[in-house]
Amino acid sequence: MSVEEELVAPIVEKASRRAGGRAGRIAVRSAPLAADRRPVRPGMSGGQYKPLSDADVERIHHAALDALEVIGFANAPASGVEILTGAGAVQGDDGRIRFPRALVEDMLAIAARDITLFGRDPAHDMLLSGKRVHFGTAGAAVHVVDVETREYRDSTAQDLYDAARLTHALDNVHFFQRVMVCRDIEDNYDMDVNTLYASCAGTTKHVGTSFSEPAHVAGCFELLHMIAGGEDKWRARPFVSNSNCFVVPPMKFAEESCVTMEHCIRGGMPVLLLSAGQAGATAPAPLATAVVQSVAECLAGVVYVNAMSPGHPAIFGTWPFVSDLRSGAMSGGSGEQALLTAGCAQMHHFYGLPGGAAAGIADAKLPDMQAGWEQAISNVMAGLAGLNLVYESVGMHASLLGFCMESLVLGDDMLGQVLRCVRGIDVTDASISLDAMKEVCLEGPGHYLGHAQTLGLMQSEYIYPVVADRTSPKEWAEVGKPDLIKGAIARKKAILEASKAPLIDPVADIEIRKAFNIRVR
């Protein structure tokens, strides 16, 4: 035993007796807490970190308005031209749609704020207000990372279902947006249907999805109405949002996606207005101008949505990405990416609009130390910046080309620590009271182990990882030197083994399988 251990051991032994021993402490720590007493929870407020000054935010705003008025957008679909010009936008001789400042300001005034994204289970509802933070998944990975073979393979519908089931069981992952492409399904309509089904069958948290073609939307809405128990129930609590890349940066509309967005709005589905330029490639290389372009593109989306349906729930989805300028390849795990995401969060707050952006992307191919720092840095910065919806926060590798189930599981531990940083330090009359200090220093044993205050705060003030290891080297050796990845594999298997039945009403599920070519078993 080391000198340090010899000094600490008597204190620990006394504290153990006072608290009922190790088993008693574990029982206290394992007991479930009420939601409002948990150390971290969905929707805690960030906003402590601001990479942009107030003057910077104003300059970006005015530059975005200039871009909308002077440069405008190409390639609007005919329906979009009618909607936008009918609201006051101007189509020039060059075919581009330009947006007068007054029009943008008018549409910002009627845009939806403080919206709720519903889960099928109301316990998973997310209020997007102020600087409330929620972490979730997203992406369109074409590969699954097999950590045991260190290989990448094509992703399948079953993989997507498994990812949704894992997300359902992970407390710190608050919503599930489609993370991978079902590459085992060749027909695009069947792929869209199965993407929606696999996501909803795996979790009752809010789901995000996209559609390959506008013509697929109607059939997918039929599926949603069947899951919800009727169109009226769906419209009362729409539990799926459409991730819509309505623009092709720089400053062009994506015609088919715009038409899809129009269908979704008519069907009562919230939309994520997603602008995903890549700095140095499809967005300007200066980080500030990359934010300007993304803001301008999303403001065009705000005009589009509200000209069509005033106050329709829409998320301001500024997702500027970063290029490694040596190669042109995307670098989702870079410090520049983290700065862009945090800066975009400030722009969301400036407009008072619900906002979402990407963080947590790893360029690393496996859940290793590189992935750890890439995922943690950008997630912490996004959370501290008060980003309402942090997409792609867990599981994404190889700059969005690969999705890893074990990384998703480990990401739950990581997000717990991130959320604890977001919560910050609670300074209250109780937390700075000197009563405990007086008892310990003047009357007691000279330490706080086993003190009623310490035991009372074990669960509500501190968060503990599920898979990550905090043992001493001696304890670590005694329990067989547990490996982090093996622990993640074990937790993944346990979750999947415990959740085999689809989370869809069995009677509805039978009818759904009759009506659609469902591949998930």
Protein backbone atom coordinates (compact mmCIF):
# COMPACT_ATOMS: atom_id res chain seq x y z
CA MET A 1 0.00 0.00 0.00
CA SER A 2 1.34 3.45 -0.92
CA VAL A 3 1.79 6.22 1.65
CA GLU A 4 -1.15 8.05 0.10
CA GLU A 5 -3.37 4.95 0.38
CA GLU A 6 -2.28 4.41 4.01
CA LEU A 7 -3.30 7.96 4.88
CA VAL A 8 -6.66 7.74 3.15
CA ALA A 9 -7.64 4.20 4.19
CA PRO A 10 -8.69 5.00 7.81
CA ILE A 11 -10.83 7.89 6.59
CA VAL A 12 -12.52 5.71 4.00
CA GLU A 13 -13.06 2.92 6.53
CA LYS A 14 -14.76 5.28 9.02
CA ALA A 15 -16.88 6.83 6.29
CA SER A 16 -17.89 3.38 5.10
CA ARG A 17 -19.11 2.38 8.54
CA ARG A 18 -21.05 5.61 8.92
CA ALA A 19 -22.75 5.16 5.52
CA GLY A 20 -23.44 1.47 5.88
CA GLY A 21 -20.38 0.28 3.95
CA ARG A 22 -19.67 0.02 0.25
CA ALA A 23 -22.90 -1.84 -0.48
CA GLY A 24 -24.90 0.93 1.14
CA ARG A 25 -23.14 3.61 -0.85
CA ILE A 26 -23.71 1.71 -4.08
CA ALA A 27 -27.40 1.30 -3.23
CA VAL A 28 -27.74 5.03 -2.62
CA ARG A 29 -25.96 5.84 -5.87
CA SER A 30 -28.03 3.32 -7.86
CA ALA A 31 -31.44 4.45 -6.62
CA PRO A 32 -33.36 6.30 -9.35
CA LEU A 33 -33.75 10.03 -8.91
CA ALA A 34 -36.69 12.19 -9.81
CA ALA A 35 -36.06 13.91 -13.15
CA ASP A 36 -35.69 17.35 -11.58
CA ARG A 37 -33.01 16.10 -9.16
CA ARG A 38 -30.77 14.38 -11.71
CA PRO A 39 -27.35 16.00 -12.11
CA VAL A 40 -27.94 16.39 -15.86
CA ARG A 41 -31.09 16.34 -17.97
CA PRO A 42 -32.41 17.42 -21.36
CA GLY A 43 -32.95 21.11 -21.93
CA MET A 44 -30.49 22.58 -19.43
CA SER A 45 -29.43 26.10 -20.39
CA GLY A 46 -26.01 26.90 -21.82
CA GLY A 47 -24.82 30.20 -23.24
CA GLN A 48 -21.75 30.71 -21.06
CA TYR A 49 -19.42 30.58 -24.08
CA LYS A 50 -19.52 33.26 -26.81
CA PRO A 51 -16.84 33.21 -29.52
CA LEU A 52 -18.45 36.27 -31.13
CA SER A 53 -18.83 39.70 -29.57
CA ASP A 54 -22.17 41.51 -29.82
CA ALA A 55 -20.64 43.74 -32.50
CA ASP A 56 -19.49 40.65 -34.43
CA VAL A 57 -23.00 39.22 -34.37
CA GLU A 58 -24.46 42.48 -35.72
CA ARG A 59 -21.88 42.61 -38.52
CA ILE A 60 -22.63 39.02 -39.55
CA HIS A 61 -26.37 39.76 -39.53
CA HIS A 62 -26.02 42.82 -41.78
CA ALA A 63 -23.64 41.00 -44.14
CA ALA A 64 -26.19 38.18 -44.46
CA LEU A 65 -28.94 40.68 -45.30
CA ASP A 66 -26.66 42.25 -47.91
CA ALA A 67 -26.02 38.82 -49.44
CA LEU A 68 -29.76 38.11 -49.65
CA GLU A 69 -30.49 41.48 -51.24
CA VAL A 70 -27.55 41.65 -53.65
CA ILE A 71 -26.60 38.06 -54.51
CA GLY A 72 -29.85 36.19 -53.95
CA PHE A 73 -30.59 32.58 -54.83
CA ALA A 74 -30.60 30.60 -58.07
CA ASN A 75 -32.62 27.53 -59.04
CA ALA A 76 -35.86 28.06 -57.14
CA PRO A 77 -38.57 25.59 -58.22
CA ALA A 78 -41.62 27.07 -59.93
CA SER A 79 -43.68 26.61 -56.76
CA GLY A 80 -40.98 28.35 -54.74
CA VAL A 81 -40.83 31.27 -57.16
CA GLU A 82 -44.58 31.71 -56.75
CA ILE A 83 -44.44 31.50 -52.95
CA LEU A 84 -41.45 33.83 -52.56
CA THR A 85 -42.37 36.49 -55.10
CA GLY A 86 -45.91 36.44 -53.77
CA ALA A 87 -44.49 37.43 -50.39
CA GLY A 88 -42.35 40.26 -51.80
CA ALA A 89 -39.12 38.65 -53.03
CA VAL A 90 -37.90 39.77 -56.44
CA GLN A 91 -36.86 37.56 -59.34
CA GLY A 92 -34.26 39.28 -61.51
CA ASP A 93 -33.55 38.93 -65.21
CA ASP A 94 -30.84 36.43 -64.27
CA GLY A 95 -33.49 34.21 -62.64
CA ARG A 96 -32.15 34.70 -59.13
CA ILE A 97 -34.52 35.40 -56.26
CA ARG A 98 -33.48 38.38 -54.13
CA PHE A 99 -34.83 39.26 -50.70
CA PRO A 100 -35.46 42.88 -49.63
CA ARG A 101 -34.45 43.52 -46.02
CA ALA A 102 -37.95 44.49 -45.03
CA LEU A 103 -39.26 41.13 -46.24
CA VAL A 104 -36.70 39.22 -44.18
CA GLU A 105 -37.48 41.30 -41.10
CA ASP A 106 -41.24 40.80 -41.56
CA MET A 107 -40.83 37.03 -41.82
CA LEU A 108 -38.52 36.91 -38.79
CA ALA A 109 -41.25 38.70 -36.83
CA ILE A 110 -43.80 35.92 -37.49
CA ALA A 111 -41.43 32.94 -37.38
CA ALA A 112 -42.14 30.27 -34.75
CA ARG A 113 -40.27 30.53 -31.47
CA ASP A 114 -40.26 28.41 -28.33
CA ILE A 115 -41.40 25.35 -30.28
CA THR A 116 -41.69 21.83 -28.92
CA LEU A 117 -40.40 18.83 -30.82
CA PHE A 118 -42.57 15.96 -29.65
CA GLY A 119 -41.61 12.42 -28.80
CA ARG A 120 -44.14 9.62 -29.10
CA ASP A 121 -43.66 9.41 -25.35
CA PRO A 122 -44.31 12.87 -23.86
CA ALA A 123 -41.43 12.27 -21.44
CA HIS A 124 -39.14 12.86 -24.44
CA ASP A 125 -40.67 16.17 -25.58
CA MET A 126 -38.04 18.87 -26.20
CA LEU A 127 -38.82 22.55 -25.69
CA LEU A 128 -36.57 24.59 -27.98
CA SER A 129 -36.47 27.87 -26.13
CA GLY A 130 -33.72 30.31 -25.28
CA LYS A 131 -30.42 28.50 -24.74
CA ARG A 132 -31.83 25.12 -23.74
CA VAL A 133 -29.53 22.34 -24.98
CA HIS A 134 -30.36 18.89 -26.38
CA PHE A 135 -27.95 16.35 -27.85
CA GLY A 136 -28.82 13.81 -30.52
CA THR A 137 -27.74 11.89 -33.57
CA ALA A 138 -27.81 12.61 -37.29
CA GLY A 139 -25.95 11.84 -40.49
CA ALA A 140 -26.08 9.71 -43.58
CA ALA A 141 -23.19 7.33 -43.00
CA VAL A 142 -22.79 4.66 -45.66
CA HIS A 143 -20.70 2.37 -43.46
CA VAL A 144 -20.87 0.76 -40.03
CA VAL A 145 -17.64 0.63 -38.06
CA ASP A 146 -16.96 -2.88 -36.73
CA VAL A 147 -14.64 -2.27 -33.80
CA GLU A 148 -13.87 -5.96 -33.31
CA THR A 149 -12.56 -6.52 -36.86
CA ARG A 150 -11.48 -2.87 -37.37
CA GLU A 151 -13.32 -2.92 -40.70
CA TYR A 152 -15.95 -0.75 -42.39
CA ARG A 153 -18.98 -2.48 -43.95
CA ASP A 154 -22.14 -1.29 -45.71
CA SER A 155 -24.89 -0.11 -43.37
CA THR A 156 -28.29 -1.82 -43.37
CA ALA A 157 -31.87 -1.22 -42.24
CA GLN A 158 -31.27 -3.55 -39.30
CA ASP A 159 -28.25 -1.45 -38.28
CA LEU A 160 -30.43 1.67 -38.29
CA TYR A 161 -33.02 -0.08 -36.12
CA ASP A 162 -30.29 -1.18 -33.70
CA ALA A 163 -28.93 2.37 -33.50
CA ALA A 164 -32.42 3.66 -32.69
CA ARG A 165 -32.85 1.01 -29.99
CA LEU A 166 -29.53 1.97 -28.42
CA THR A 167 -30.44 5.65 -28.49
CA HIS A 168 -33.74 4.87 -26.78
CA ALA A 169 -31.84 3.42 -23.82
CA LEU A 170 -29.21 6.16 -23.52
CA ASP A 171 -30.29 8.94 -21.16
CA ASN A 172 -27.95 11.63 -22.48
CA VAL A 173 -28.88 11.20 -26.17
CA HIS A 174 -32.14 13.11 -26.36
CA PHE A 175 -33.34 12.58 -29.94
CA PHE A 176 -32.69 10.27 -32.88
CA GLN A 177 -32.16 11.56 -36.37
CA ARG A 178 -31.36 9.03 -39.09
CA VAL A 179 -27.64 8.17 -38.75
CA MET A 180 -27.01 5.93 -41.74
CA VAL A 181 -28.26 4.92 -45.17
CA CYS A 182 -29.99 1.54 -45.57
CA ARG A 183 -27.66 0.33 -48.29
CA ASP A 184 -29.26 -3.12 -48.41
CA ILE A 185 -32.40 -1.58 -49.96
CA GLU A 186 -32.06 -0.61 -53.63
CA ASP A 187 -35.49 0.96 -54.20
CA ASN A 188 -35.41 4.56 -52.93
CA TYR A 189 -39.07 4.56 -51.84
CA ASP A 190 -38.62 1.37 -49.84
CA MET A 191 -35.48 2.89 -48.34
CA ASP A 192 -37.34 6.01 -47.20
CA VAL A 193 -40.16 3.93 -45.71
CA ASN A 194 -37.78 1.57 -43.92
CA THR A 195 -35.67 4.46 -42.63
CA LEU A 196 -38.78 5.94 -41.04
CA TYR A 197 -40.02 2.60 -39.74
CA ALA A 198 -36.66 1.50 -38.28
CA SER A 199 -36.27 4.82 -36.47
CA CYS A 200 -39.78 4.87 -35.00
CA ALA A 201 -39.73 1.16 -34.16
CA GLY A 202 -36.51 1.65 -32.20
CA THR A 203 -37.33 4.69 -30.09
CA THR A 204 -40.16 6.87 -28.83
CA LYS A 205 -37.83 9.87 -28.69
CA HIS A 206 -38.22 12.52 -31.37
CA VAL A 207 -37.08 11.27 -34.77
CA GLY A 208 -35.58 13.14 -37.72
CA THR A 209 -35.59 11.81 -41.26
CA SER A 210 -35.26 12.86 -44.89
CA PHE A 211 -36.85 11.81 -48.17
CA SER A 212 -35.13 10.84 -51.41
CA GLU A 213 -37.82 12.32 -53.66
CA PRO A 214 -40.90 14.54 -53.19
CA ALA A 215 -43.11 11.74 -54.53
CA HIS A 216 -42.21 9.58 -51.51
CA VAL A 217 -43.59 11.97 -48.92
CA ALA A 218 -47.26 10.98 -49.26
CA GLY A 219 -46.62 7.28 -48.65
CA CYS A 220 -44.37 8.02 -45.70
CA PHE A 221 -47.07 10.20 -44.17
CA GLU A 222 -49.49 7.28 -44.48
CA LEU A 223 -47.00 5.24 -42.46
CA LEU A 224 -46.73 7.99 -39.83
CA HIS A 225 -50.51 8.24 -39.52
CA MET A 226 -50.67 4.48 -38.93
CA ILE A 227 -47.97 4.66 -36.24
CA ALA A 228 -49.70 7.62 -34.57
CA GLY A 229 -53.15 6.06 -34.68
CA GLY A 230 -54.62 8.50 -37.17
CA GLU A 231 -53.85 11.74 -38.99
CA ASP A 232 -55.48 13.84 -36.28
CA LYS A 233 -53.21 12.35 -33.63
CA TRP A 234 -50.18 12.87 -35.85
CA ARG A 235 -51.02 16.53 -36.42
CA ALA A 236 -51.62 17.09 -32.70
CA ARG A 237 -48.16 15.73 -31.82
CA PRO A 238 -45.89 15.38 -34.88
CA PHE A 239 -43.05 13.19 -33.57
CA VAL A 240 -40.91 13.24 -36.72
CA SER A 241 -39.18 16.24 -38.31
CA ASN A 242 -37.84 16.57 -41.83
CA SER A 243 -34.12 17.25 -42.20
CA ASN A 244 -34.21 19.29 -45.38
CA CYS A 245 -31.17 20.41 -47.39
CA PHE A 246 -33.26 23.02 -49.21
CA VAL A 247 -30.13 24.82 -50.39
CA VAL A 248 -27.08 23.70 -52.35
CA PRO A 249 -24.32 26.05 -51.17
CA PRO A 250 -23.31 28.53 -52.32
CA MET A 251 -26.64 30.37 -52.56
CA LYS A 252 -28.68 28.02 -54.72
CA PHE A 253 -31.98 26.34 -53.94
CA ALA A 254 -32.17 22.54 -54.16
CA GLU A 255 -35.30 22.23 -56.27
CA GLU A 256 -36.50 18.74 -55.29
CA SER A 257 -35.75 19.32 -51.60
CA CYS A 258 -37.74 22.55 -51.68
CA VAL A 259 -40.75 20.71 -53.10
CA THR A 260 -40.31 18.02 -50.43
CA MET A 261 -40.26 20.75 -47.79
CA GLU A 262 -43.50 22.18 -49.12
CA HIS A 263 -45.15 18.74 -48.86
CA CYS A 264 -43.89 18.33 -45.29
CA ILE A 265 -45.21 21.72 -44.25
CA ARG A 266 -48.65 20.88 -45.65
CA GLY A 267 -48.53 17.57 -43.78
CA GLY A 268 -47.84 19.24 -40.44
CA MET A 269 -44.22 18.11 -40.08
CA PRO A 270 -41.61 20.38 -38.47
CA VAL A 271 -38.64 21.11 -40.74
CA LEU A 272 -34.94 21.54 -40.16
CA LEU A 273 -33.73 24.21 -42.60
CA LEU A 274 -30.30 22.78 -43.23
CA SER A 275 -27.47 24.75 -44.84
CA ALA A 276 -24.32 22.63 -44.98
CA GLY A 277 -21.64 24.54 -46.86
CA GLN A 278 -18.02 23.48 -46.48
CA ALA A 279 -15.61 26.30 -45.70
CA GLY A 280 -13.00 26.61 -48.41
CA ALA A 281 -15.09 24.55 -50.86
CA THR A 282 -18.80 25.39 -51.04
CA ALA A 283 -18.56 28.17 -48.44
CA PRO A 284 -16.00 30.97 -48.05
CA ALA A 285 -12.72 30.05 -46.34
CA PRO A 286 -12.87 32.76 -43.62
CA LEU A 287 -14.82 31.33 -40.71
CA ALA A 288 -16.77 34.55 -40.27
CA THR A 289 -17.92 34.61 -43.91
CA ALA A 290 -18.78 30.92 -43.75
CA VAL A 291 -21.18 31.85 -40.94
CA VAL A 292 -22.50 34.77 -43.01
CA GLN A 293 -23.34 32.50 -45.95
CA SER A 294 -24.97 29.87 -43.74
CA VAL A 295 -27.05 32.52 -41.96
CA ALA A 296 -28.12 34.06 -45.27
CA GLU A 297 -29.16 30.67 -46.62
CA CYS A 298 -31.18 29.84 -43.51
CA LEU A 299 -32.82 33.27 -43.50
CA ALA A 300 -33.98 32.52 -47.05
CA GLY A 301 -35.50 29.34 -45.63
CA VAL A 302 -37.27 31.31 -42.91
CA VAL A 303 -38.84 33.52 -45.58
CA TYR A 304 -39.80 30.47 -47.68
CA VAL A 305 -41.47 28.62 -44.79
CA ASN A 306 -43.33 31.60 -43.32
CA ALA A 307 -44.46 32.90 -46.69
CA MET A 308 -46.09 29.54 -47.19
CA SER A 309 -47.33 28.87 -43.63
CA PRO A 310 -46.81 31.65 -41.08
CA GLY A 311 -45.44 30.35 -37.80
CA HIS A 312 -44.78 26.81 -39.02
CA PRO A 313 -42.24 25.08 -36.72
CA ALA A 314 -38.83 25.36 -38.38
CA ILE A 315 -35.32 24.93 -36.99
CA PHE A 316 -32.61 27.38 -38.07
CA GLY A 317 -30.10 24.79 -39.26
CA THR A 318 -26.80 26.55 -39.87
CA TRP A 319 -24.39 23.64 -40.37
CA PRO A 320 -21.23 25.09 -41.94
CA PHE A 321 -18.53 22.43 -42.16
CA VAL A 322 -14.75 22.74 -42.45
CA SER A 323 -12.29 21.65 -45.11
CA ASP A 324 -8.74 20.52 -44.47
CA LEU A 325 -7.34 23.00 -46.98
CA ARG A 326 -4.32 20.78 -47.69
CA SER A 327 -6.56 18.18 -49.31
CA GLY A 328 -10.05 19.65 -49.56
CA ALA A 329 -11.41 16.82 -47.41
CA MET A 330 -14.00 17.54 -44.75
CA SER A 331 -12.67 17.89 -41.20
CA GLY A 332 -15.58 17.51 -38.81
CA GLY A 333 -13.39 17.01 -35.76
CA SER A 334 -11.38 20.21 -36.09
CA GLY A 335 -11.20 23.15 -33.72
CA GLU A 336 -12.45 25.33 -36.55
CA GLN A 337 -15.58 23.18 -36.78
CA ALA A 338 -16.18 23.62 -33.07
CA LEU A 339 -15.83 27.40 -33.40
CA LEU A 340 -18.22 27.54 -36.37
CA THR A 341 -20.89 25.59 -34.50
CA ALA A 342 -20.60 27.75 -31.38
CA GLY A 343 -20.70 30.92 -33.47
CA CYS A 344 -23.84 29.72 -35.24
CA ALA A 345 -25.49 29.13 -31.86
CA GLN A 346 -24.98 32.82 -31.10
CA MET A 347 -26.68 33.76 -34.35
CA HIS A 348 -29.68 31.57 -33.41
CA HIS A 349 -29.92 33.44 -30.10
CA PHE A 350 -29.65 36.80 -31.90
CA TYR A 351 -32.73 35.95 -33.96
CA GLY A 352 -34.49 34.24 -31.08
CA LEU A 353 -35.12 31.23 -33.30
CA PRO A 354 -34.82 27.53 -32.42
CA GLY A 355 -31.49 26.45 -33.85
CA GLY A 356 -29.51 23.34 -34.60
CA ALA A 357 -26.01 22.61 -35.85
CA ALA A 358 -23.50 19.77 -36.00
CA ALA A 359 -20.92 18.84 -33.35
CA GLY A 360 -19.27 15.66 -32.10
CA ILE A 361 -18.09 14.48 -35.53
CA ALA A 362 -14.86 12.49 -35.46
CA ASP A 363 -12.43 12.36 -38.34
CA ALA A 364 -10.91 9.37 -36.56
CA LYS A 365 -11.88 6.01 -38.04
CA LEU A 366 -12.30 4.22 -34.68
CA PRO A 367 -13.38 5.24 -31.16
CA ASP A 368 -9.83 6.00 -30.04
CA MET A 369 -8.11 8.93 -28.33
CA GLN A 370 -8.32 11.11 -31.46
CA ALA A 371 -12.07 10.49 -31.62
CA GLY A 372 -12.32 11.33 -27.92
CA TRP A 373 -10.84 14.77 -28.20
CA GLU A 374 -12.60 15.55 -31.48
CA GLN A 375 -16.01 14.59 -30.11
CA ALA A 376 -15.61 16.12 -26.67
CA ILE A 377 -14.23 19.52 -27.66
CA SER A 378 -16.93 20.36 -30.18
CA ASN A 379 -19.75 19.00 -28.02
CA VAL A 380 -18.60 20.99 -24.98
CA MET A 381 -18.34 24.18 -27.03
CA ALA A 382 -21.76 23.62 -28.61
CA GLY A 383 -23.34 22.94 -25.24
CA LEU A 384 -21.71 25.89 -23.50
CA ALA A 385 -22.78 28.10 -26.42
CA GLY A 386 -26.41 27.12 -25.73
CA LEU A 387 -27.17 25.36 -29.01
CA ASN A 388 -30.76 24.07 -28.87
CA LEU A 389 -30.17 20.94 -30.95
CA VAL A 390 -26.71 19.42 -31.26
CA TYR A 391 -26.86 17.02 -34.19
CA GLU A 392 -24.34 14.25 -35.01
CA SER A 393 -23.06 14.48 -31.44
CA VAL A 394 -22.30 10.78 -31.02
CA GLY A 395 -21.30 7.78 -33.11
CA MET A 396 -20.07 9.53 -36.25
CA HIS A 397 -16.59 8.68 -37.61
CA ALA A 398 -14.50 9.18 -40.73
CA SER A 399 -15.97 12.67 -41.25
CA LEU A 400 -19.54 11.28 -41.37
CA LEU A 401 -18.79 8.27 -43.60
CA GLY A 402 -18.95 5.72 -40.77
CA PHE A 403 -21.26 5.11 -37.81
CA CYS A 404 -20.12 3.12 -34.78
CA MET A 405 -22.55 1.51 -32.32
CA GLU A 406 -19.92 1.25 -29.59
CA SER A 407 -19.04 4.90 -30.07
CA LEU A 408 -22.72 5.75 -29.59
CA VAL A 409 -22.69 3.86 -26.28
CA LEU A 410 -19.46 5.52 -25.15
CA GLY A 411 -20.85 8.85 -26.31
CA ASP A 412 -23.59 8.60 -23.70
CA ASP A 413 -20.91 8.73 -20.99
CA MET A 414 -19.18 11.61 -22.77
CA LEU A 415 -22.40 13.60 -23.11
CA GLY A 416 -23.06 13.12 -19.42
CA GLN A 417 -19.82 14.94 -18.68
CA VAL A 418 -20.58 17.56 -21.35
CA LEU A 419 -24.01 18.22 -19.87
CA ARG A 420 -22.45 18.56 -16.42
CA CYS A 421 -20.26 21.32 -17.86
CA VAL A 422 -23.35 22.95 -19.38
CA ARG A 423 -25.12 22.91 -16.02
CA GLY A 424 -22.21 24.73 -14.39
CA ILE A 425 -21.75 25.49 -10.69
CA ASP A 426 -24.86 26.08 -8.60
CA VAL A 427 -24.29 28.98 -6.19
CA THR A 428 -27.17 29.11 -3.70
CA ASP A 429 -27.62 29.86 -0.03
CA ALA A 430 -27.49 26.13 0.67
CA SER A 431 -24.45 25.41 -1.50
CA ILE A 432 -22.29 28.12 0.08
CA SER A 433 -23.49 27.62 3.66
CA LEU A 434 -20.61 27.17 6.13
CA ASP A 435 -22.58 24.81 8.39
CA ALA A 436 -20.94 21.66 7.03
CA MET A 437 -17.50 23.26 7.16
CA LYS A 438 -18.03 24.21 10.82
CA GLU A 439 -19.16 20.69 11.70
CA VAL A 440 -16.21 19.04 9.95
CA CYS A 441 -13.47 21.48 10.96
CA LEU A 442 -14.55 22.45 14.49
CA GLU A 443 -16.53 19.47 15.75
CA GLY A 444 -16.01 16.53 13.42
CA PRO A 445 -13.39 14.21 11.94
CA GLY A 446 -11.68 16.75 9.67
CA HIS A 447 -12.99 15.30 6.42
CA TYR A 448 -16.27 15.32 4.49
CA LEU A 449 -16.45 11.62 3.59
CA GLY A 450 -19.67 10.24 5.00
CA HIS A 451 -21.01 13.67 5.97
CA ALA A 452 -24.76 14.03 5.42
CA GLN A 453 -24.17 16.87 2.94
CA THR A 454 -21.76 14.74 0.88
CA LEU A 455 -24.10 11.76 0.81
CA GLY A 456 -27.06 13.97 -0.01
CA LEU A 457 -25.30 15.37 -3.07
CA MET A 458 -23.82 12.13 -4.40
CA GLN A 459 -26.45 11.77 -7.09
CA SER A 460 -27.80 15.26 -7.64
CA GLU A 461 -24.49 17.16 -7.88
CA TYR A 462 -22.24 14.51 -9.43
CA ILE A 463 -22.60 12.30 -12.50
CA TYR A 464 -20.94 8.90 -12.87
CA PRO A 465 -19.98 7.16 -16.11
CA VAL A 466 -21.51 3.78 -16.94
CA VAL A 467 -18.70 2.31 -19.04
CA ALA A 468 -15.71 4.58 -18.42
CA ASP A 469 -13.26 3.39 -15.74
CA ARG A 470 -12.24 5.40 -12.66
CA THR A 471 -10.59 2.70 -10.58
CA SER A 472 -7.05 2.95 -9.22
CA PRO A 473 -4.37 0.94 -11.06
CA LYS A 474 -4.47 -1.64 -8.24
CA GLU A 475 -8.26 -2.05 -8.40
CA TRP A 476 -8.15 -2.07 -12.20
CA ALA A 477 -5.71 -5.01 -12.14
CA GLU A 478 -7.78 -6.85 -9.52
CA VAL A 479 -10.93 -6.75 -11.68
CA GLY A 480 -9.19 -8.06 -14.77
CA LYS A 481 -7.97 -4.82 -16.38
CA PRO A 482 -11.27 -3.98 -18.10
CA ASP A 483 -11.02 -2.56 -21.62
CA LEU A 484 -13.14 0.44 -22.65
CA ILE A 485 -14.17 -0.94 -26.03
CA LYS A 486 -15.03 -4.35 -24.59
CA GLY A 487 -17.17 -2.59 -22.01
CA ALA A 488 -18.99 -0.70 -24.75
CA ILE A 489 -19.56 -3.92 -26.68
CA ALA A 490 -21.00 -5.56 -23.58
CA ARG A 491 -23.35 -2.66 -22.87
CA LYS A 492 -24.44 -2.53 -26.52
CA LYS A 493 -25.29 -6.24 -26.49
CA ALA A 494 -27.16 -5.97 -23.20
CA ILE A 495 -29.32 -3.09 -24.47
CA LEU A 496 -30.14 -4.81 -27.75
CA GLU A 497 -30.90 -8.10 -26.00
CA ALA A 498 -33.37 -6.34 -23.70
CA SER A 499 -35.25 -4.47 -26.45
CA LYS A 500 -36.29 -6.92 -29.13
CA ALA A 501 -39.89 -5.84 -29.77
CA PRO A 502 -40.60 -2.84 -32.05
CA LEU A 503 -41.94 0.18 -30.15
CA ILE A 504 -45.04 0.32 -32.32
CA ASP A 505 -48.51 -0.89 -31.38
CA PRO A 506 -48.59 -4.61 -32.38
CA VAL A 507 -51.92 -4.32 -34.18
CA ALA A 508 -50.72 -1.28 -36.12
CA ASP A 509 -47.45 -3.06 -36.86
CA ILE A 510 -49.30 -5.93 -38.55
CA GLU A 511 -51.19 -3.49 -40.75
CA ILE A 512 -48.02 -1.55 -41.55
CA ARG A 513 -46.28 -4.73 -42.69
CA LYS A 514 -49.22 -5.52 -44.95
CA ALA A 515 -49.11 -2.07 -46.52
CA PHE A 516 -45.35 -1.56 -46.84
CA ASN A 517 -42.29 -3.62 -47.69
CA ILE A 518 -40.74 -3.54 -44.21
CA ARG A 519 -37.30 -5.13 -44.02
CA VAL A 520 -36.70 -4.84 -40.27
CA ARG A 521 -37.45 -8.03 -38.37
